[in-house]
N, C-alpha and C. Protein backbone atom coordinates (compact mmCIF):
# COMPACT_ATOMS: atom_id res chain seq x y z
N MET A 1 -150.15 -65.05 -24.46
CA MET A 1 -151.42 -65.57 -24.05
C MET A 1 -151.85 -66.41 -24.96
N PRO A 2 -152.85 -67.11 -24.89
CA PRO A 2 -153.59 -68.16 -25.93
C PRO A 2 -154.01 -67.45 -27.24
N GLU A 3 -153.63 -68.15 -28.49
CA GLU A 3 -153.87 -67.26 -29.62
C GLU A 3 -155.37 -67.00 -30.00
N SER A 4 -155.65 -65.96 -30.63
CA SER A 4 -157.01 -65.63 -31.21
C SER A 4 -156.73 -64.14 -31.62
N SER A 5 -157.47 -63.85 -32.10
CA SER A 5 -157.33 -62.28 -33.01
C SER A 5 -157.88 -61.07 -32.24
N PRO A 6 -158.47 -60.39 -32.70
CA PRO A 6 -158.39 -58.87 -32.36
C PRO A 6 -158.33 -58.62 -31.04
N ARG A 7 -157.43 -57.67 -30.66
CA ARG A 7 -157.13 -57.45 -29.37
C ARG A 7 -158.46 -56.45 -28.76
N PRO A 8 -159.24 -56.77 -28.01
CA PRO A 8 -160.20 -55.83 -27.52
C PRO A 8 -159.81 -54.69 -26.91
N ALA A 9 -160.60 -53.20 -26.94
CA ALA A 9 -160.05 -52.01 -26.28
C ALA A 9 -161.08 -52.07 -25.07
N ASP A 10 -161.05 -52.83 -24.19
CA ASP A 10 -162.03 -52.78 -23.08
C ASP A 10 -161.44 -52.38 -21.87
N ALA A 11 -161.97 -51.20 -21.19
CA ALA A 11 -161.60 -50.46 -20.26
C ALA A 11 -161.86 -51.53 -18.92
N THR A 12 -163.21 -52.31 -18.72
CA THR A 12 -163.33 -53.11 -17.79
C THR A 12 -162.44 -54.33 -17.96
N ALA A 13 -161.85 -54.57 -18.79
CA ALA A 13 -161.22 -55.80 -19.02
C ALA A 13 -159.80 -55.39 -18.33
N LEU A 14 -159.46 -54.04 -18.63
CA LEU A 14 -157.95 -53.53 -18.25
C LEU A 14 -158.29 -53.55 -16.78
N ARG A 15 -159.58 -53.09 -16.19
CA ARG A 15 -159.37 -52.98 -14.67
C ARG A 15 -159.32 -54.35 -14.13
N ALA A 16 -159.61 -55.31 -14.58
CA ALA A 16 -159.82 -56.77 -14.04
C ALA A 16 -158.32 -57.24 -14.15
N ILE A 17 -157.52 -56.76 -14.97
CA ILE A 17 -156.28 -57.41 -15.52
C ILE A 17 -155.34 -56.68 -14.39
N ALA A 18 -155.60 -55.60 -14.21
CA ALA A 18 -154.80 -54.63 -13.12
C ALA A 18 -154.91 -55.13 -11.59
N HIS A 19 -156.07 -56.07 -11.45
CA HIS A 19 -155.97 -56.40 -9.89
C HIS A 19 -154.85 -57.69 -9.51
N PRO A 20 -154.13 -57.35 -8.78
CA PRO A 20 -153.08 -58.39 -8.62
C PRO A 20 -153.13 -59.71 -8.66
N VAL A 21 -154.07 -60.18 -7.55
CA VAL A 21 -154.49 -61.45 -7.68
C VAL A 21 -155.12 -62.34 -9.10
N ARG A 22 -155.99 -61.17 -9.63
CA ARG A 22 -156.60 -61.84 -10.99
C ARG A 22 -155.53 -61.88 -11.76
N SER A 23 -154.59 -61.24 -11.87
CA SER A 23 -153.53 -60.99 -12.84
C SER A 23 -152.64 -62.33 -12.63
N ARG A 24 -152.51 -62.73 -11.50
CA ARG A 24 -151.75 -64.01 -11.17
C ARG A 24 -152.61 -64.89 -11.52
N VAL A 25 -153.75 -65.11 -11.18
CA VAL A 25 -154.86 -66.29 -11.93
C VAL A 25 -154.66 -66.33 -13.34
N LEU A 26 -154.79 -65.05 -13.89
CA LEU A 26 -154.69 -65.20 -15.48
C LEU A 26 -153.42 -65.85 -15.96
N ALA A 27 -152.22 -65.40 -15.10
CA ALA A 27 -150.75 -65.87 -15.56
C ALA A 27 -150.75 -67.56 -15.30
N GLU A 28 -151.07 -67.93 -14.47
CA GLU A 28 -151.48 -69.66 -14.29
C GLU A 28 -152.04 -70.23 -15.30
N LEU A 29 -153.28 -69.65 -15.47
CA LEU A 29 -154.08 -70.19 -16.57
C LEU A 29 -153.33 -70.34 -17.82
N ASP A 30 -152.40 -69.22 -17.99
CA ASP A 30 -151.95 -69.14 -19.27
C ASP A 30 -150.81 -70.20 -19.26
N ALA A 31 -150.05 -70.36 -18.31
CA ALA A 31 -148.72 -71.07 -18.35
C ALA A 31 -149.39 -72.83 -18.22
N VAL A 32 -150.45 -72.87 -17.59
CA VAL A 32 -150.86 -74.22 -17.16
C VAL A 32 -151.79 -74.77 -18.20
N GLY A 33 -152.72 -73.96 -18.65
CA GLY A 33 -153.98 -74.32 -19.26
C GLY A 33 -155.04 -74.56 -18.33
N PRO A 34 -156.43 -74.98 -18.76
CA PRO A 34 -157.64 -75.33 -18.07
C PRO A 34 -157.21 -75.68 -16.62
N MET A 35 -157.72 -75.04 -15.82
CA MET A 35 -157.46 -75.56 -14.39
C MET A 35 -158.73 -75.34 -13.55
N ARG A 36 -158.98 -76.27 -12.29
CA ARG A 36 -160.10 -76.11 -11.36
C ARG A 36 -159.53 -74.89 -10.22
N ALA A 37 -160.58 -74.26 -9.85
CA ALA A 37 -160.16 -73.26 -8.80
C ALA A 37 -159.38 -73.91 -7.64
N ALA A 38 -159.52 -75.16 -7.30
CA ALA A 38 -158.67 -75.71 -6.29
C ALA A 38 -157.10 -75.87 -6.71
N ASP A 39 -156.97 -75.91 -7.78
CA ASP A 39 -155.83 -76.21 -8.38
C ASP A 39 -154.86 -74.61 -8.71
N VAL A 40 -155.87 -73.83 -8.98
CA VAL A 40 -155.37 -72.27 -8.94
C VAL A 40 -155.05 -71.78 -7.53
N ALA A 41 -155.85 -72.28 -6.67
CA ALA A 41 -155.67 -71.64 -5.05
C ALA A 41 -154.17 -72.40 -5.14
N ALA A 42 -153.89 -73.58 -5.01
CA ALA A 42 -152.87 -74.39 -4.47
C ALA A 42 -151.69 -73.78 -5.22
N ALA A 43 -151.85 -73.29 -6.50
CA ALA A 43 -150.73 -72.61 -7.41
C ALA A 43 -150.28 -71.31 -6.84
N ILE A 44 -151.15 -70.48 -6.53
CA ILE A 44 -150.80 -69.07 -6.06
C ILE A 44 -150.82 -68.76 -4.54
N GLY A 45 -151.25 -69.76 -3.76
CA GLY A 45 -151.16 -69.87 -2.51
C GLY A 45 -152.46 -68.72 -1.76
N VAL A 46 -153.51 -69.06 -2.20
CA VAL A 46 -154.62 -68.39 -1.85
C VAL A 46 -155.84 -69.43 -1.27
N PRO A 47 -156.67 -69.17 -0.59
CA PRO A 47 -157.84 -70.07 -0.02
C PRO A 47 -158.61 -70.45 -1.47
N ALA A 48 -159.07 -71.51 -1.51
CA ALA A 48 -159.77 -71.81 -2.50
C ALA A 48 -161.09 -71.17 -3.04
N ASN A 49 -161.91 -70.75 -1.91
CA ASN A 49 -163.09 -69.77 -1.94
C ASN A 49 -162.55 -68.58 -2.76
N GLN A 50 -161.57 -67.75 -2.41
CA GLN A 50 -160.89 -66.94 -2.86
C GLN A 50 -160.66 -66.87 -4.56
N ALA A 51 -160.09 -68.03 -4.62
CA ALA A 51 -159.85 -68.33 -5.93
C ALA A 51 -161.08 -68.77 -6.87
N SER A 52 -162.14 -69.17 -6.17
CA SER A 52 -163.39 -69.42 -7.31
C SER A 52 -163.80 -67.70 -7.29
N PHE A 53 -163.68 -67.06 -6.34
CA PHE A 53 -164.45 -65.72 -6.55
C PHE A 53 -163.64 -64.98 -7.57
N HIS A 54 -162.28 -64.92 -7.50
CA HIS A 54 -161.91 -64.22 -8.67
C HIS A 54 -161.80 -64.69 -10.11
N LEU A 55 -162.14 -66.13 -9.92
CA LEU A 55 -162.24 -66.89 -11.63
C LEU A 55 -163.79 -66.35 -11.95
N ARG A 56 -164.80 -66.24 -10.99
CA ARG A 56 -166.14 -65.69 -11.35
C ARG A 56 -166.01 -64.19 -11.74
N GLN A 57 -165.46 -63.49 -11.20
CA GLN A 57 -165.07 -62.06 -11.59
C GLN A 57 -164.51 -61.95 -13.03
N LEU A 58 -163.50 -62.66 -13.06
CA LEU A 58 -162.66 -62.76 -14.55
C LEU A 58 -163.79 -63.35 -15.75
N ALA A 59 -164.67 -64.24 -15.32
CA ALA A 59 -165.59 -64.71 -15.90
C ALA A 59 -166.58 -63.63 -16.43
N LYS A 60 -167.14 -62.65 -15.42
CA LYS A 60 -168.14 -61.68 -15.46
C LYS A 60 -167.45 -60.74 -16.60
N TYR A 61 -166.00 -60.42 -16.28
CA TYR A 61 -165.40 -59.62 -17.34
C TYR A 61 -165.23 -60.20 -18.86
N GLY A 62 -165.53 -61.67 -19.24
CA GLY A 62 -165.28 -61.95 -20.20
C GLY A 62 -163.66 -62.58 -20.63
N LEU A 63 -163.25 -62.51 -19.20
CA LEU A 63 -161.56 -63.14 -19.66
C LEU A 63 -161.28 -64.55 -19.55
N VAL A 64 -162.26 -65.14 -18.58
CA VAL A 64 -161.96 -66.77 -18.42
C VAL A 64 -163.56 -67.30 -18.79
N ARG A 65 -163.80 -68.69 -19.05
CA ARG A 65 -164.96 -69.15 -19.43
C ARG A 65 -164.78 -70.72 -18.64
N GLU A 66 -165.83 -71.25 -18.47
CA GLU A 66 -165.59 -72.62 -18.24
C GLU A 66 -165.26 -73.61 -19.40
N ALA A 67 -164.43 -74.63 -19.11
CA ALA A 67 -164.15 -75.78 -20.11
C ALA A 67 -164.82 -76.79 -19.85
N PRO A 68 -165.95 -77.22 -20.17
CA PRO A 68 -166.63 -78.39 -19.80
C PRO A 68 -166.21 -79.69 -20.30
N GLU A 69 -165.28 -79.48 -21.46
CA GLU A 69 -164.82 -80.46 -22.06
C GLU A 69 -163.49 -81.45 -21.11
N HIS A 70 -163.23 -80.33 -20.24
CA HIS A 70 -161.99 -80.98 -19.41
C HIS A 70 -162.67 -81.41 -18.17
N ALA A 71 -163.92 -81.34 -17.84
CA ALA A 71 -164.28 -81.62 -16.66
C ALA A 71 -164.56 -83.03 -16.41
N ARG A 72 -164.55 -83.56 -15.26
CA ARG A 72 -164.91 -84.93 -14.91
C ARG A 72 -166.28 -85.20 -14.95
N ASP A 73 -167.34 -84.23 -14.43
CA ASP A 73 -168.68 -84.63 -14.45
C ASP A 73 -169.35 -83.06 -14.63
N ARG A 74 -170.61 -83.06 -14.55
CA ARG A 74 -171.38 -81.72 -14.71
C ARG A 74 -171.10 -80.84 -13.34
N ARG A 75 -170.70 -81.57 -12.32
CA ARG A 75 -170.26 -80.73 -11.18
C ARG A 75 -169.00 -80.18 -11.05
N ASP A 76 -167.91 -80.63 -12.07
CA ASP A 76 -166.56 -80.41 -11.89
C ASP A 76 -166.50 -79.05 -12.70
N ARG A 77 -166.12 -78.04 -12.12
CA ARG A 77 -165.98 -76.70 -12.75
C ARG A 77 -164.57 -76.63 -13.09
N VAL A 78 -164.10 -76.36 -14.41
CA VAL A 78 -162.76 -76.32 -14.91
C VAL A 78 -162.73 -74.99 -15.72
N TRP A 79 -161.79 -73.93 -15.62
CA TRP A 79 -161.79 -72.81 -16.28
C TRP A 79 -160.42 -72.60 -17.39
N GLU A 80 -160.75 -71.91 -18.24
CA GLU A 80 -159.59 -71.42 -19.17
C GLU A 80 -159.69 -70.17 -19.53
N ILE A 81 -158.66 -69.38 -19.87
CA ILE A 81 -158.82 -68.11 -20.60
C ILE A 81 -159.63 -68.17 -21.86
N VAL A 82 -160.20 -66.98 -22.01
CA VAL A 82 -160.82 -66.83 -23.25
C VAL A 82 -159.92 -66.50 -24.38
N PRO A 83 -159.39 -66.96 -25.48
CA PRO A 83 -158.56 -66.53 -26.48
C PRO A 83 -158.46 -65.19 -26.82
N GLY A 84 -157.42 -64.54 -26.90
CA GLY A 84 -157.37 -63.07 -27.27
C GLY A 84 -157.83 -62.07 -26.22
N MET A 85 -158.76 -62.44 -25.30
CA MET A 85 -159.09 -61.50 -24.41
C MET A 85 -158.26 -60.72 -23.43
N THR A 86 -157.02 -61.23 -23.12
CA THR A 86 -156.18 -60.58 -22.11
C THR A 86 -155.38 -59.63 -22.89
N ASP A 87 -155.27 -59.69 -24.40
CA ASP A 87 -154.52 -58.86 -24.96
C ASP A 87 -155.04 -57.54 -25.15
N VAL A 88 -155.09 -57.02 -23.99
CA VAL A 88 -155.91 -55.47 -24.27
C VAL A 88 -154.69 -54.50 -24.77
N VAL A 89 -155.13 -53.46 -25.50
CA VAL A 89 -154.18 -52.44 -25.90
C VAL A 89 -154.52 -51.40 -24.94
N VAL A 90 -153.76 -51.01 -24.07
CA VAL A 90 -153.91 -49.81 -23.22
C VAL A 90 -154.06 -48.57 -23.86
N SER A 91 -153.52 -48.13 -24.81
CA SER A 91 -153.74 -47.03 -25.50
C SER A 91 -155.17 -46.68 -26.03
N ASP A 92 -155.66 -48.07 -26.53
CA ASP A 92 -157.12 -48.36 -27.16
C ASP A 92 -158.15 -48.10 -25.83
N ALA A 93 -157.74 -48.86 -24.55
CA ALA A 93 -158.79 -48.67 -23.86
C ALA A 93 -158.83 -47.50 -23.14
N ALA A 94 -157.84 -46.91 -23.06
CA ALA A 94 -157.87 -45.37 -22.55
C ALA A 94 -158.73 -44.13 -23.43
N LEU A 95 -159.38 -44.66 -24.72
CA LEU A 95 -160.23 -43.84 -25.27
C LEU A 95 -161.53 -44.18 -24.90
N GLN A 96 -161.95 -44.82 -24.18
CA GLN A 96 -163.04 -45.44 -23.85
C GLN A 96 -163.72 -44.46 -22.79
N PRO A 97 -165.01 -44.15 -22.56
CA PRO A 97 -165.42 -43.39 -21.50
C PRO A 97 -164.73 -43.78 -20.31
N GLY A 98 -164.09 -43.04 -19.37
CA GLY A 98 -163.52 -43.33 -18.18
C GLY A 98 -162.50 -44.19 -18.45
N GLY A 99 -162.04 -44.50 -19.46
CA GLY A 99 -160.79 -45.41 -19.67
C GLY A 99 -159.47 -44.94 -19.32
N ASP A 100 -159.25 -43.46 -19.54
CA ASP A 100 -158.08 -42.89 -19.16
C ASP A 100 -157.57 -43.10 -17.97
N ALA A 101 -158.66 -42.98 -16.85
CA ALA A 101 -158.23 -43.22 -15.45
C ALA A 101 -157.87 -44.73 -15.12
N VAL A 102 -158.64 -45.40 -15.67
CA VAL A 102 -158.41 -47.15 -15.55
C VAL A 102 -157.01 -47.19 -16.14
N ALA A 103 -156.75 -46.94 -17.22
CA ALA A 103 -155.15 -47.01 -17.92
C ALA A 103 -154.21 -46.56 -17.00
N ARG A 104 -154.47 -45.23 -16.30
CA ARG A 104 -153.34 -44.93 -15.54
C ARG A 104 -153.02 -45.64 -14.20
N VAL A 105 -154.47 -46.31 -13.77
CA VAL A 105 -154.29 -47.21 -12.61
C VAL A 105 -153.50 -48.49 -13.09
N PHE A 106 -153.94 -49.07 -14.08
CA PHE A 106 -153.38 -50.30 -14.93
C PHE A 106 -151.62 -49.95 -15.06
N LEU A 107 -151.38 -48.81 -15.67
CA LEU A 107 -150.02 -48.74 -15.71
C LEU A 107 -149.35 -48.51 -14.63
N SER A 108 -149.83 -47.87 -13.38
CA SER A 108 -149.29 -47.81 -12.12
C SER A 108 -148.94 -49.27 -11.58
N ALA A 109 -150.07 -50.18 -11.65
CA ALA A 109 -149.61 -51.52 -11.24
C ALA A 109 -148.80 -52.27 -11.95
N ALA A 110 -148.79 -51.94 -13.15
CA ALA A 110 -147.70 -52.83 -13.95
C ALA A 110 -146.43 -52.14 -13.46
N ALA A 111 -146.28 -50.99 -13.23
CA ALA A 111 -144.90 -50.55 -12.89
C ALA A 111 -144.60 -50.99 -11.50
N ALA A 112 -145.59 -51.02 -10.49
CA ALA A 112 -145.34 -51.40 -8.99
C ALA A 112 -144.78 -52.86 -9.21
N LYS A 113 -145.44 -53.69 -10.11
CA LYS A 113 -145.19 -55.09 -10.26
C LYS A 113 -143.82 -55.32 -10.94
N ALA A 114 -143.50 -54.55 -11.83
CA ALA A 114 -141.99 -54.73 -12.47
C ALA A 114 -141.14 -54.12 -11.25
N HIS A 115 -141.05 -53.16 -10.28
CA HIS A 115 -140.49 -52.94 -9.24
C HIS A 115 -140.51 -54.23 -8.27
N ARG A 116 -141.24 -55.13 -8.22
CA ARG A 116 -141.52 -56.08 -7.32
C ARG A 116 -140.78 -57.30 -7.98
N VAL A 117 -140.66 -57.26 -9.19
CA VAL A 117 -139.97 -58.52 -9.77
C VAL A 117 -138.43 -58.11 -9.91
N VAL A 118 -138.25 -57.09 -10.01
CA VAL A 118 -136.70 -56.64 -9.81
C VAL A 118 -136.02 -56.75 -8.53
N ASP A 119 -136.79 -56.23 -7.54
CA ASP A 119 -136.33 -56.61 -6.14
C ASP A 119 -136.34 -57.90 -5.82
N ALA A 120 -137.28 -58.76 -6.18
CA ALA A 120 -137.09 -60.40 -5.95
C ALA A 120 -136.08 -60.97 -6.63
N VAL A 121 -135.60 -60.66 -7.72
CA VAL A 121 -134.63 -61.42 -8.43
C VAL A 121 -133.54 -61.17 -8.19
N PHE A 122 -133.13 -59.83 -7.64
CA PHE A 122 -131.68 -59.27 -6.77
C PHE A 122 -131.37 -59.57 -5.56
N ALA A 123 -132.64 -59.94 -4.77
CA ALA A 123 -132.43 -60.10 -3.37
C ALA A 123 -132.73 -61.46 -3.06
N ALA A 124 -132.94 -62.30 -4.09
CA ALA A 124 -133.19 -63.90 -3.73
C ALA A 124 -132.07 -64.53 -3.51
N GLU A 125 -131.85 -65.43 -2.53
CA GLU A 125 -130.69 -66.23 -2.28
C GLU A 125 -130.71 -67.25 -3.21
N ARG A 126 -129.80 -67.98 -3.19
CA ARG A 126 -129.45 -69.42 -4.02
C ARG A 126 -130.48 -69.96 -3.44
N GLU A 127 -131.09 -70.83 -4.35
CA GLU A 127 -132.06 -71.83 -3.93
C GLU A 127 -132.07 -73.17 -4.64
N PRO A 128 -131.72 -74.40 -4.27
CA PRO A 128 -131.34 -75.57 -5.05
C PRO A 128 -132.50 -75.91 -6.08
N GLY A 129 -132.28 -76.27 -7.42
CA GLY A 129 -133.31 -76.66 -8.05
C GLY A 129 -134.05 -75.38 -8.79
N VAL A 130 -133.67 -74.38 -8.31
CA VAL A 130 -134.24 -73.05 -9.11
C VAL A 130 -133.32 -72.26 -9.54
N GLN A 131 -133.70 -71.84 -11.17
CA GLN A 131 -132.88 -71.12 -11.95
C GLN A 131 -133.41 -69.72 -11.85
N ARG A 132 -132.36 -68.54 -11.83
CA ARG A 132 -132.77 -67.26 -11.77
C ARG A 132 -131.61 -66.49 -12.55
N SER A 133 -132.02 -65.70 -13.43
CA SER A 133 -131.14 -64.96 -14.36
C SER A 133 -131.55 -63.47 -14.62
N VAL A 134 -130.65 -62.60 -14.91
CA VAL A 134 -131.02 -61.45 -15.26
C VAL A 134 -129.91 -61.10 -16.39
N THR A 135 -130.67 -60.41 -17.31
CA THR A 135 -129.73 -60.11 -18.84
C THR A 135 -129.86 -58.88 -19.02
N GLU A 136 -128.83 -58.15 -19.29
CA GLU A 136 -129.04 -56.50 -19.81
C GLU A 136 -128.10 -56.64 -20.75
N ALA A 137 -128.48 -56.02 -22.07
CA ALA A 137 -127.84 -55.57 -23.16
C ALA A 137 -128.09 -54.31 -23.57
N ALA A 138 -127.20 -53.40 -24.30
CA ALA A 138 -127.49 -52.33 -24.92
C ALA A 138 -126.97 -52.64 -26.51
N VAL A 139 -128.11 -52.33 -27.23
CA VAL A 139 -128.34 -53.08 -28.65
C VAL A 139 -128.49 -51.67 -29.73
N ARG A 140 -128.00 -51.31 -30.68
CA ARG A 140 -128.25 -50.53 -31.58
C ARG A 140 -129.35 -50.85 -32.64
N LEU A 141 -130.41 -50.28 -32.74
CA LEU A 141 -131.44 -50.64 -33.55
C LEU A 141 -132.39 -49.46 -34.03
N THR A 142 -132.92 -49.94 -34.98
CA THR A 142 -133.85 -48.82 -35.66
C THR A 142 -135.16 -49.21 -35.03
N LYS A 143 -136.31 -48.36 -35.13
CA LYS A 143 -137.54 -48.73 -34.78
C LYS A 143 -138.04 -50.19 -35.16
N ASP A 144 -138.03 -50.17 -36.48
CA ASP A 144 -138.63 -51.34 -36.98
C ASP A 144 -137.57 -52.56 -36.66
N GLU A 145 -136.42 -52.44 -36.32
CA GLU A 145 -135.58 -53.48 -35.83
C GLU A 145 -135.97 -53.87 -34.45
N ALA A 146 -135.96 -52.78 -33.41
CA ALA A 146 -136.60 -52.94 -32.16
C ALA A 146 -137.90 -53.67 -32.22
N GLU A 147 -138.89 -53.51 -32.99
CA GLU A 147 -140.09 -54.03 -33.20
C GLU A 147 -139.86 -55.59 -33.46
N ALA A 148 -139.11 -55.81 -34.51
CA ALA A 148 -138.73 -57.35 -34.90
C ALA A 148 -138.32 -58.15 -33.88
N LEU A 149 -137.30 -57.30 -32.95
CA LEU A 149 -136.51 -58.05 -31.87
C LEU A 149 -137.68 -58.40 -30.93
N GLY A 150 -138.44 -57.63 -30.78
CA GLY A 150 -139.67 -57.96 -29.71
C GLY A 150 -140.40 -59.10 -30.15
N GLN A 151 -140.68 -58.82 -31.35
CA GLN A 151 -141.71 -59.95 -31.98
C GLN A 151 -140.72 -61.17 -31.70
N GLU A 152 -139.53 -61.51 -32.06
CA GLU A 152 -138.71 -62.67 -32.12
C GLU A 152 -138.63 -63.22 -30.57
N ILE A 153 -138.70 -62.23 -29.89
CA ILE A 153 -138.63 -62.69 -28.24
C ILE A 153 -140.04 -63.43 -27.80
N ALA A 154 -141.05 -62.42 -28.09
CA ALA A 154 -142.25 -62.84 -27.95
C ALA A 154 -142.84 -64.36 -28.33
N ALA A 155 -142.39 -64.72 -29.81
CA ALA A 155 -142.70 -65.81 -30.62
C ALA A 155 -141.92 -66.98 -29.89
N LEU A 156 -140.42 -66.57 -29.40
CA LEU A 156 -139.93 -67.74 -28.64
C LEU A 156 -140.42 -68.16 -27.34
N VAL A 157 -140.75 -67.10 -26.81
CA VAL A 157 -141.41 -67.26 -25.39
C VAL A 157 -142.93 -68.10 -25.38
N ASP A 158 -143.59 -67.64 -26.30
CA ASP A 158 -144.77 -68.11 -26.82
C ASP A 158 -144.95 -69.80 -27.01
N ALA A 159 -144.00 -70.13 -27.80
CA ALA A 159 -143.41 -71.56 -28.07
C ALA A 159 -143.18 -72.29 -27.09
N ARG A 160 -142.40 -71.80 -25.82
CA ARG A 160 -142.29 -72.43 -24.87
C ARG A 160 -143.64 -72.72 -24.00
N VAL A 161 -144.26 -71.65 -23.96
CA VAL A 161 -145.42 -71.57 -23.18
C VAL A 161 -146.24 -72.76 -23.44
N LYS A 162 -146.66 -72.66 -25.00
CA LYS A 162 -147.39 -73.84 -25.63
C LYS A 162 -146.72 -75.20 -25.45
N ALA A 163 -145.46 -75.26 -25.42
CA ALA A 163 -144.88 -76.56 -25.39
C ALA A 163 -144.99 -77.37 -24.02
N HIS A 164 -145.13 -76.24 -22.93
CA HIS A 164 -145.13 -76.82 -21.51
C HIS A 164 -146.49 -76.77 -20.72
N ARG A 165 -147.50 -76.14 -21.42
CA ARG A 165 -148.41 -76.30 -20.74
C ARG A 165 -148.94 -77.69 -19.85
N GLY A 166 -149.54 -77.81 -18.83
CA GLY A 166 -149.97 -78.75 -18.26
C GLY A 166 -149.60 -78.86 -16.57
N GLN A 167 -150.20 -79.76 -15.83
CA GLN A 167 -150.00 -79.83 -14.57
C GLN A 167 -149.14 -81.17 -14.17
N ASP A 168 -148.78 -81.21 -12.94
CA ASP A 168 -148.39 -82.40 -12.36
C ASP A 168 -147.31 -83.08 -13.17
N ASP A 169 -146.25 -82.15 -13.53
CA ASP A 169 -145.30 -82.89 -14.63
C ASP A 169 -144.03 -82.19 -14.08
N GLY A 170 -143.69 -81.84 -12.54
CA GLY A 170 -142.43 -81.65 -12.23
C GLY A 170 -142.03 -80.16 -12.35
N ARG A 171 -143.08 -79.48 -13.24
CA ARG A 171 -142.35 -78.14 -13.42
C ARG A 171 -143.23 -77.13 -12.43
N ARG A 172 -142.66 -75.99 -12.21
CA ARG A 172 -143.25 -74.73 -11.41
C ARG A 172 -143.47 -73.52 -12.41
N THR A 173 -144.11 -72.67 -12.16
CA THR A 173 -144.49 -71.42 -13.07
C THR A 173 -143.29 -70.55 -12.59
N TYR A 174 -142.46 -70.20 -13.87
CA TYR A 174 -141.51 -69.31 -13.96
C TYR A 174 -142.04 -68.05 -14.46
N LEU A 175 -141.63 -66.74 -13.99
CA LEU A 175 -141.97 -65.51 -14.70
C LEU A 175 -140.80 -64.98 -15.53
N LEU A 176 -141.13 -64.48 -16.89
CA LEU A 176 -140.14 -64.09 -17.66
C LEU A 176 -140.82 -62.68 -17.95
N HIS A 177 -139.96 -61.60 -17.36
CA HIS A 177 -140.15 -60.30 -17.72
C HIS A 177 -139.39 -59.37 -18.52
N THR A 178 -139.60 -59.41 -19.72
CA THR A 178 -138.73 -58.52 -20.67
C THR A 178 -139.19 -57.13 -20.75
N MET A 179 -138.24 -56.18 -20.92
CA MET A 179 -138.44 -54.88 -21.43
C MET A 179 -137.48 -54.45 -22.63
N LEU A 180 -137.89 -53.75 -23.69
CA LEU A 180 -137.13 -53.51 -24.45
C LEU A 180 -137.52 -51.71 -24.90
N LEU A 181 -136.59 -50.94 -24.62
CA LEU A 181 -136.87 -49.53 -24.86
C LEU A 181 -135.50 -48.53 -25.21
N PRO A 182 -135.66 -47.38 -25.61
CA PRO A 182 -134.66 -46.52 -25.78
C PRO A 182 -133.55 -46.47 -24.57
N TYR A 183 -132.36 -46.54 -24.53
CA TYR A 183 -131.76 -46.52 -23.24
C TYR A 183 -132.13 -45.33 -22.41
N PRO A 184 -132.87 -45.57 -21.24
CA PRO A 184 -133.21 -44.39 -20.49
C PRO A 184 -132.15 -43.40 -19.99
N GLU A 185 -132.41 -42.12 -19.90
CA GLU A 185 -131.41 -41.10 -19.66
C GLU A 185 -131.13 -41.28 -18.04
N GLU A 186 -129.81 -40.89 -17.68
CA GLU A 186 -129.70 -41.12 -16.27
C GLU A 186 -129.07 -39.75 -16.00
N VAL A 187 -129.35 -39.39 -14.45
CA VAL A 187 -128.57 -38.37 -13.72
C VAL A 187 -127.12 -38.69 -13.80
N ALA A 188 -126.16 -37.77 -14.10
CA ALA A 188 -124.64 -37.99 -14.10
C ALA A 188 -124.24 -37.90 -12.74
N GLY A 189 -123.56 -39.20 -12.60
CA GLY A 189 -123.11 -39.60 -11.30
C GLY A 189 -123.96 -40.22 -10.31
N GLU A 190 -125.39 -40.20 -10.73
CA GLU A 190 -126.19 -41.44 -9.86
C GLU A 190 -126.12 -42.71 -10.10
N GLY A 191 -125.89 -43.53 -8.99
CA GLY A 191 -126.03 -44.89 -9.39
C GLY A 191 -124.42 -45.16 -9.51
N ALA A 192 -124.15 -46.69 -9.18
CA ALA A 192 -122.92 -47.16 -9.29
C ALA A 192 -122.69 -47.90 -10.56
N GLY A 193 -121.45 -47.45 -11.47
CA GLY A 193 -121.20 -48.43 -12.58
C GLY A 193 -120.48 -49.61 -12.13
N PRO A 194 -120.02 -50.27 -13.20
CA PRO A 194 -119.30 -51.76 -13.03
C PRO A 194 -118.06 -51.42 -12.23
N ALA A 195 -117.40 -50.39 -12.43
CA ALA A 195 -116.02 -50.23 -11.70
C ALA A 195 -116.21 -49.88 -10.14
N ASP A 196 -117.38 -49.55 -9.74
CA ASP A 196 -117.89 -49.29 -8.19
C ASP A 196 -118.69 -50.17 -7.54
N GLY A 197 -118.93 -51.38 -8.39
CA GLY A 197 -119.87 -52.07 -7.72
C GLY A 197 -121.12 -52.25 -8.07
N GLY A 198 -121.42 -51.66 -9.18
CA GLY A 198 -122.76 -51.57 -9.91
C GLY A 198 -122.79 -52.55 -10.95
N ALA A 199 -124.03 -52.98 -11.57
CA ALA A 199 -124.31 -54.12 -12.49
C ALA A 199 -123.85 -53.46 -13.74
N GLY A 200 -123.07 -54.30 -14.51
CA GLY A 200 -122.83 -53.97 -16.01
C GLY A 200 -123.52 -54.54 -16.78
N THR A 201 -123.19 -54.47 -18.18
CA THR A 201 -123.95 -55.17 -19.19
C THR A 201 -123.33 -56.76 -19.33
N GLY A 202 -124.31 -57.70 -19.46
CA GLY A 202 -124.08 -58.80 -19.81
C GLY A 202 -125.31 -59.58 -18.71
N ALA A 203 -125.11 -61.03 -18.48
CA ALA A 203 -126.26 -61.83 -17.73
C ALA A 203 -125.62 -62.18 -16.50
N ALA A 204 -126.25 -62.27 -15.18
CA ALA A 204 -125.94 -62.85 -14.07
C ALA A 204 -127.03 -63.82 -13.77
N GLN A 205 -126.61 -64.84 -13.11
CA GLN A 205 -127.79 -66.12 -12.85
C GLN A 205 -127.16 -66.91 -11.87
N ASP A 206 -128.25 -67.70 -11.11
CA ASP A 206 -127.83 -68.53 -9.82
C ASP A 206 -126.99 -69.55 -10.48
């Protein structure tokens, strides 16, 4: 997300981010940069009035703001993410009054989204001009090394996001969803391994 410093521990912001449409609006603003409601609507496939409503709601939560320097005139409304405001620390937000319930809803929504992402990438058929890839690797790391690897990946992705912001350049918005965690325990015999048709370590792509 755009740079700026300290992450707010705001349960209301967390509630806003958990909303699937608003989350998608924020993602598009992050990838593209300042946008008009009509451009957001076209990008995510919702009516323009719906995009405008969600942008106003995000502004109410302090997550987006108008960017008049990018507007054509006074009637032209262009929106951008407020730097740093979407980098909410879930554990901090949970400490606020009522925040624990909001955090649970957010984590449930995030888990559901992760499942949809996995289903989409494995169920998708080949599409000309579109790249899809899945990478899986088992790596031996200390906690500090795992943290460093996560920061390296984040820095690489952030550099690409900043380098390619903008519209009408022939690009489309891709979702990069990374996870780094201790190898999850599995029930013995559950699921198929590489020898019997399951997915092994490595990368698969279109």
